[in-house]
């Protein structure tokens, strides 16, 4: 894809750098970084040959077709609203925010604007195949979705003690960092959640006090769901299984493989659908650029991300003590 679109990434941490790299590789025209930390900004400028801005005020002086918000979650809404030209699209990192404050301001400012939220699982070919089969009814009615997984943060994300993850007020903890992906994936596959019961705690992860373990149950209409995940287990694995009246569907995210099994038959598996993690983010970047041209809709709409935010807040409120209803709309 070769598009003359100007893309600004706000936030030069690891996820912002990944977005910048992937939009650049997918053929966006001019790609630039906005990062207040000079050393980090300079490194990105030199590594990728892009322009850098040391402040949002300075970046707002230029025109952007797309602004990617990749700062900590409590800053997302304010940073998006700073780029308020009506013809500027937004892609906002997940979760949308950590409270409902200013969500309606963002919704009003989003009218007639292309806005997507970066729940990247929706760009994974395994989950896209899964959704196609669910929507087609090929495996019958969905009865249950189970999600299990985790990883050893000291091995796979060793900087977790130095970033937003350490504090829920900046989007940290397992629910806002990881389980939110699962909540949004459930919406993508089977629709919005009606209620959630969530038990969570800090069990083992050194150097932090936020929750590292989450067990959640809930309902998407008649579909029952269960999530069990942690951020200290040895294997880096993530398995999503959808059990239908006519068989089961499974995505082994850690292997990037998709499988299906009808009653009385064996699993039928694809080969690896992706070779490396950047491919997932390139898929998301490519789809977002196509959404700017009107060719497709965004992968995750603002309204869908608002519902995911409501689920996050309901899960935190549950505290292993009560079932919490999740408002729709």
Protein backbone atom coordinates (compact mmCIF):
# COMPACT_ATOMS: atom_id res chain seq x y z
CA UNK A 1 0.00 0.00 0.00
CA UNK A 2 1.35 3.42 -0.94
CA UNK A 3 -0.68 6.28 0.54
CA UNK A 4 0.18 9.95 0.87
CA UNK A 5 -1.17 10.16 4.41
CA UNK A 6 0.53 11.99 7.26
CA UNK A 7 0.62 9.91 10.45
CA UNK A 8 1.72 11.13 13.87
CA UNK A 9 2.38 8.72 16.74
CA UNK A 10 2.03 10.33 20.17
CA UNK A 11 4.11 8.45 22.72
CA UNK A 12 7.48 6.85 22.01
CA UNK A 13 7.39 3.91 24.40
CA UNK A 14 7.61 0.35 23.13
CA UNK A 15 4.05 0.26 21.77
CA UNK A 16 4.34 3.70 20.17
CA UNK A 17 7.59 2.72 18.49
CA UNK A 18 5.95 -0.47 17.20
CA UNK A 19 3.02 1.50 15.76
CA UNK A 20 5.39 3.96 14.08
CA UNK A 21 7.46 1.18 12.56
CA UNK A 22 4.42 -0.72 11.30
CA UNK A 23 2.65 2.29 9.79
CA UNK A 24 5.91 3.20 8.08
CA UNK A 25 6.26 -0.33 6.69
CA UNK A 26 2.64 -0.33 5.47
CA UNK A 27 3.20 2.64 3.21
CA UNK A 28 1.89 5.65 5.10
CA UNK A 29 3.29 8.84 3.59
CA UNK A 30 4.95 10.91 6.29
CA UNK A 31 5.28 9.28 9.72
CA UNK A 32 6.45 11.28 12.74
CA UNK A 33 6.84 10.86 16.50
CA UNK A 34 5.72 13.11 19.36
CA UNK A 35 7.64 12.28 22.54
CA UNK A 36 8.59 14.56 25.43
CA UNK A 37 11.67 12.56 26.51
CA UNK A 38 14.49 13.88 24.36
CA UNK A 39 16.70 10.79 24.43
CA UNK A 40 13.84 8.49 23.47
CA UNK A 41 12.61 10.87 20.76
CA UNK A 42 16.09 11.28 19.26
CA UNK A 43 16.62 7.53 19.18
CA UNK A 44 13.37 7.00 17.26
CA UNK A 45 14.15 9.87 14.87
CA UNK A 46 17.54 8.37 14.05
CA UNK A 47 16.42 4.73 13.92
CA UNK A 48 13.49 5.30 11.56
CA UNK A 49 14.46 8.52 9.80
CA UNK A 50 11.37 10.42 10.98
CA UNK A 51 10.65 13.90 12.27
CA UNK A 52 10.16 14.36 15.99
CA UNK A 53 8.13 16.75 18.13
CA UNK A 54 8.90 17.47 21.76
CA UNK A 55 5.39 18.57 22.72
CA UNK A 56 1.79 18.07 21.70
CA UNK A 57 1.39 21.83 21.29
CA UNK A 58 4.14 21.85 18.69
CA UNK A 59 2.77 18.77 16.91
CA UNK A 60 -0.70 20.34 16.76
CA UNK A 61 0.68 23.14 14.62
CA UNK A 62 1.02 20.72 11.69
CA UNK A 63 -1.70 18.83 9.82
CA UNK A 64 -2.16 15.08 10.33
CA UNK A 65 -4.44 12.66 8.52
CA UNK A 66 -4.11 10.23 11.44
CA UNK A 67 -2.95 10.63 15.01
CA UNK A 68 -2.08 7.45 16.91
CA UNK A 69 -2.38 7.91 20.68
CA UNK A 70 0.10 5.58 22.41
CA UNK A 71 0.57 7.28 25.76
CA UNK A 72 -0.52 5.81 29.15
CA UNK A 73 -4.25 5.11 29.34
CA UNK A 74 -5.18 7.94 31.70
CA UNK A 75 -3.91 10.42 29.09
CA UNK A 76 -5.61 8.94 26.01
CA UNK A 77 -8.74 11.07 25.87
CA UNK A 78 -7.04 14.39 26.58
CA UNK A 79 -4.32 13.72 24.04
CA UNK A 80 -6.82 12.71 21.35
CA UNK A 81 -8.95 15.80 21.94
CA UNK A 82 -5.87 18.00 21.54
CA UNK A 83 -5.87 17.07 17.83
CA UNK A 84 -9.37 18.37 17.25
CA UNK A 85 -9.35 19.22 13.55
CA UNK A 86 -12.49 17.50 12.20
CA UNK A 87 -10.60 15.89 9.31
CA UNK A 88 -7.98 14.27 11.57
CA UNK A 89 -8.62 10.60 12.33
CA UNK A 90 -7.66 8.98 15.62
CA UNK A 91 -6.37 5.55 16.51
CA UNK A 92 -6.27 5.28 20.30
CA UNK A 93 -4.39 2.57 22.17
CA UNK A 94 -6.27 0.26 24.51
CA UNK A 95 -7.79 0.61 27.00
CA UNK A 96 -9.65 3.73 25.95
CA UNK A 97 -9.25 5.21 29.42
CA UNK A 98 -9.30 4.23 33.09
CA UNK A 99 -12.56 6.02 34.03
CA UNK A 100 -15.66 7.27 32.24
CA UNK A 101 -14.52 10.89 32.67
CA UNK A 102 -14.71 12.84 29.39
CA UNK A 103 -15.86 9.79 27.43
CA UNK A 104 -18.93 11.68 26.24
CA UNK A 105 -16.71 14.62 25.22
CA UNK A 106 -14.71 12.18 23.12
CA UNK A 107 -17.86 10.67 21.64
CA UNK A 108 -19.18 14.09 20.61
CA UNK A 109 -15.83 15.05 19.09
CA UNK A 110 -15.83 11.76 17.15
CA UNK A 111 -18.95 12.51 15.12
CA UNK A 112 -18.08 12.40 11.39
CA UNK A 113 -14.50 11.42 12.25
CA UNK A 114 -12.73 8.10 11.64
CA UNK A 115 -11.91 6.74 15.11
CA UNK A 116 -10.55 3.31 15.95
CA UNK A 117 -9.25 1.80 19.17
CA UNK A 118 -6.23 -0.50 18.98
CA UNK A 119 -7.58 -3.81 20.26
CA UNK A 120 -5.15 -5.64 18.05
CA UNK A 121 -6.53 -9.18 18.48
CA UNK A 122 -9.20 -8.22 15.96
CA UNK A 123 -6.44 -8.03 13.34
CA UNK A 124 -5.27 -11.60 14.00
CA UNK A 125 -6.14 -13.98 11.15
CA UNK A 126 -6.99 -16.78 13.61
CA UNK A 127 -9.65 -14.70 15.30
CA UNK A 128 -10.94 -13.40 11.98
CA UNK A 129 -11.41 -17.01 10.81
CA UNK A 130 -13.09 -17.85 14.09
CA UNK A 131 -15.52 -14.96 13.73
CA UNK A 132 -16.34 -15.89 10.12
CA UNK A 133 -17.26 -19.42 11.17
CA UNK A 134 -19.31 -18.19 14.14
CA UNK A 135 -21.20 -15.67 12.01
CA UNK A 136 -21.83 -18.22 9.25
CA UNK A 137 -23.39 -20.68 11.69
CA UNK A 138 -21.21 -23.45 10.25
CA UNK A 139 -20.62 -24.91 13.72
CA UNK A 140 -24.07 -24.15 15.07
CA UNK A 141 -25.00 -22.03 18.04
CA UNK A 142 -22.26 -20.73 20.35
CA UNK A 143 -22.71 -21.96 23.92
CA UNK A 144 -19.46 -21.11 25.68
CA UNK A 145 -16.15 -19.27 25.26
CA UNK A 146 -13.11 -20.08 27.42
CA UNK A 147 -9.86 -18.12 27.46
CA UNK A 148 -6.74 -19.27 29.32
CA UNK A 149 -3.22 -17.98 29.23
CA UNK A 150 -0.45 -15.82 30.54
CA UNK A 151 3.28 -15.29 30.46
CA UNK A 152 6.26 -14.69 32.74
CA UNK A 153 6.61 -10.91 32.83
CA UNK A 154 10.22 -10.87 34.12
CA UNK A 155 11.17 -12.87 31.01
CA UNK A 156 8.89 -11.47 28.32
CA UNK A 157 8.29 -7.89 29.57
CA UNK A 158 11.20 -7.16 31.91
CA UNK A 159 10.54 -3.40 31.99
CA UNK A 160 7.10 -3.86 33.62
CA UNK A 161 8.36 -2.39 36.93
CA UNK A 162 9.38 0.86 35.22
CA UNK A 163 6.27 1.67 33.16
CA UNK A 164 2.54 2.38 33.46
CA UNK A 165 1.91 -1.23 34.55
CA UNK A 166 2.81 -0.53 38.19
CA UNK A 167 -0.27 1.59 38.91
CA UNK A 168 -3.95 1.17 38.03
CA UNK A 169 -4.19 4.97 37.82
CA UNK A 170 -2.05 4.86 34.67
CA UNK A 171 -3.69 1.76 33.17
CA UNK A 172 -1.66 -0.85 35.02
CA UNK A 173 -2.54 -4.20 36.51
CA UNK A 174 -3.56 -7.34 34.66
CA UNK A 175 -7.19 -6.33 34.05
CA UNK A 176 -6.45 -3.06 32.24
CA UNK A 177 -3.23 -4.34 30.65
CA UNK A 178 -4.22 -7.80 29.40
CA UNK A 179 -7.69 -9.05 30.34
CA UNK A 180 -9.14 -6.03 28.55
CA UNK A 181 -7.94 -7.67 25.29
CA UNK A 182 -9.97 -10.75 26.18
CA UNK A 183 -13.06 -8.75 27.08
CA UNK A 184 -12.91 -6.94 23.75
CA UNK A 185 -12.27 -10.18 21.87
CA UNK A 186 -15.44 -11.65 23.40
CA UNK A 187 -17.37 -8.65 22.09
CA UNK A 188 -15.87 -9.19 18.65
CA UNK A 189 -16.77 -12.88 18.59
CA UNK A 190 -20.13 -13.12 20.35
CA UNK A 191 -21.31 -9.62 21.31
CA UNK A 192 -21.34 -7.31 24.34
CA UNK A 193 -21.13 -8.59 27.90
CA UNK A 194 -24.19 -8.24 30.12
CA UNK A 195 -22.48 -8.88 33.46
CA UNK A 196 -19.15 -9.99 34.91
CA UNK A 197 -17.95 -11.64 38.11
CA UNK A 198 -14.21 -11.17 38.55
CA UNK A 199 -11.77 -12.40 41.19
CA UNK A 200 -8.29 -10.93 41.00
CA UNK A 201 -5.23 -10.47 43.19
CA UNK A 202 -1.49 -10.00 43.30
CA UNK A 203 -0.15 -13.53 43.62
CA UNK A 204 3.50 -13.66 42.65
CA UNK A 205 4.87 -10.96 40.33
CA UNK A 206 7.86 -9.30 42.03
CA UNK A 207 8.27 -5.56 42.32
CA UNK A 208 4.60 -4.55 41.98
CA UNK A 209 1.41 -4.70 44.04
CA UNK A 210 -1.21 -4.53 41.25
CA UNK A 211 -3.13 -7.69 40.35
CA UNK A 212 -1.23 -10.24 38.29
CA UNK A 213 -3.94 -12.93 38.26
CA UNK A 214 -7.51 -12.66 36.94
CA UNK A 215 -10.41 -15.14 36.96
CA UNK A 216 -13.55 -13.77 35.29
CA UNK A 217 -16.93 -15.23 34.38
CA UNK A 218 -19.84 -13.59 32.63
CA UNK A 219 -22.52 -13.69 29.98
CA UNK A 220 -22.76 -12.41 26.44
CA UNK A 221 -26.49 -12.91 26.00
CA UNK A 222 -26.96 -16.66 26.45
CA UNK A 223 -23.26 -17.39 25.81
CA UNK A 224 -21.29 -18.27 28.95
CA UNK A 225 -17.69 -17.09 29.18
CA UNK A 226 -14.72 -17.78 31.43
CA UNK A 227 -11.26 -16.20 31.53
CA UNK A 228 -8.27 -17.43 33.55
CA UNK A 229 -4.98 -15.62 33.09
CA UNK A 230 -1.88 -14.53 34.97
CA UNK A 231 1.37 -12.71 34.34
CA UNK A 232 3.86 -14.92 36.20
CA UNK A 233 3.47 -18.44 34.75
CA UNK A 234 6.43 -19.99 32.92
CA UNK A 235 4.95 -20.59 29.44
CA UNK A 236 3.96 -17.74 27.15
CA UNK A 237 0.62 -19.18 26.03
CA UNK A 238 -2.86 -17.94 25.17
CA UNK A 239 -5.70 -20.25 24.11
CA UNK A 240 -9.21 -19.17 23.09
CA UNK A 241 -11.82 -21.90 22.60
CA UNK A 242 -15.38 -21.47 21.38
CA UNK A 243 -17.67 -24.42 22.08
CA UNK A 244 -20.66 -24.60 19.74
CA UNK A 245 -23.57 -26.99 19.28
CA UNK A 246 -21.83 -28.52 16.27
CA UNK A 247 -18.22 -28.59 17.46
CA UNK A 248 -15.41 -26.42 18.76
CA UNK A 249 -13.12 -23.70 17.43
CA UNK A 250 -9.73 -22.90 18.94
CA UNK A 251 -7.03 -20.28 18.47
CA UNK A 252 -3.60 -21.01 19.92
CA UNK A 253 -2.32 -17.46 19.88
CA UNK A 254 1.19 -18.43 21.01
CA UNK A 255 1.49 -20.68 17.94
CA UNK A 256 -0.55 -18.40 15.68
CA UNK A 257 -2.63 -21.41 14.64
CA UNK A 258 -6.36 -21.93 14.24
CA UNK A 259 -8.17 -25.23 14.69
CA UNK A 260 -11.67 -26.62 14.33
CA UNK A 261 -13.18 -29.89 15.48
CA UNK A 262 -16.60 -31.37 14.81
CA UNK A 263 -18.14 -33.92 17.15
CA UNK A 264 -16.59 -37.34 16.65
CA UNK A 265 -13.75 -36.01 14.47
CA UNK A 266 -10.14 -34.90 15.05
CA UNK A 267 -8.81 -31.37 15.27
CA UNK A 268 -8.08 -29.77 11.91
CA UNK A 269 -5.25 -27.24 12.26
CA UNK A 270 -3.85 -24.51 10.07
CA UNK A 271 -0.14 -23.91 9.87
CA UNK A 272 1.23 -20.75 11.51
CA UNK A 273 -0.80 -17.78 10.29
CA UNK A 274 1.86 -15.23 11.25
CA UNK A 275 5.63 -15.47 11.55
CA UNK A 276 6.36 -12.65 14.01
CA UNK A 277 4.53 -10.21 16.26
CA UNK A 278 4.98 -7.11 14.09
CA UNK A 279 2.86 -8.81 11.43
CA UNK A 280 -0.18 -8.46 13.69
CA UNK A 281 0.42 -4.74 14.09
CA UNK A 282 1.10 -4.31 10.38
CA UNK A 283 -2.30 -5.92 9.75
CA UNK A 284 -3.85 -3.37 12.10
CA UNK A 285 -1.96 -0.47 10.52
CA UNK A 286 -2.92 -1.52 7.00
CA UNK A 287 -6.58 -1.87 7.95
CA UNK A 288 -6.55 1.54 9.65
CA UNK A 289 -5.07 3.21 6.57
CA UNK A 290 -7.76 1.59 4.42
CA UNK A 291 -10.40 2.87 6.86
CA UNK A 292 -9.11 6.40 6.29
CA UNK A 293 -9.87 6.04 2.58
CA UNK A 294 -13.37 4.71 3.29
CA UNK A 295 -12.58 1.26 1.91
CA UNK A 296 -13.36 -0.53 5.21
CA UNK A 297 -14.66 0.24 8.69
CA UNK A 298 -12.28 0.40 11.64
CA UNK A 299 -11.59 -2.90 13.40
CA UNK A 300 -12.80 -1.66 16.79
CA UNK A 301 -15.15 1.32 16.97
CA UNK A 302 -15.23 3.92 19.71
CA UNK A 303 -18.59 2.61 20.94
CA UNK A 304 -17.19 -0.91 21.20
CA UNK A 305 -14.17 0.35 23.13
CA UNK A 306 -16.43 2.31 25.48
CA UNK A 307 -18.26 -0.93 26.26
CA UNK A 308 -14.91 -2.63 26.92
CA UNK A 309 -14.02 0.20 29.30
CA UNK A 310 -17.29 -0.41 31.14
CA UNK A 311 -16.37 -4.11 31.42
CA UNK A 312 -12.93 -3.23 32.82
CA UNK A 313 -14.53 -1.03 35.46
CA UNK A 314 -17.16 -3.65 36.29
CA UNK A 315 -14.46 -6.31 36.68
CA UNK A 316 -12.47 -4.08 39.04
CA UNK A 317 -15.62 -3.31 41.02
CA UNK A 318 -16.50 -6.99 41.35
CA UNK A 319 -13.44 -7.74 43.52
CA UNK A 320 -14.41 -11.40 43.86
CA UNK A 321 -17.45 -10.38 45.89
CA UNK A 322 -20.32 -9.64 43.54
CA UNK A 323 -21.68 -9.87 40.03
CA UNK A 324 -21.64 -6.46 38.33
CA UNK A 325 -23.96 -5.51 35.46
CA UNK A 326 -22.29 -3.93 32.43
CA UNK A 327 -24.27 -1.01 30.95
CA UNK A 328 -24.82 -1.09 27.19
CA UNK A 329 -24.71 1.98 24.96
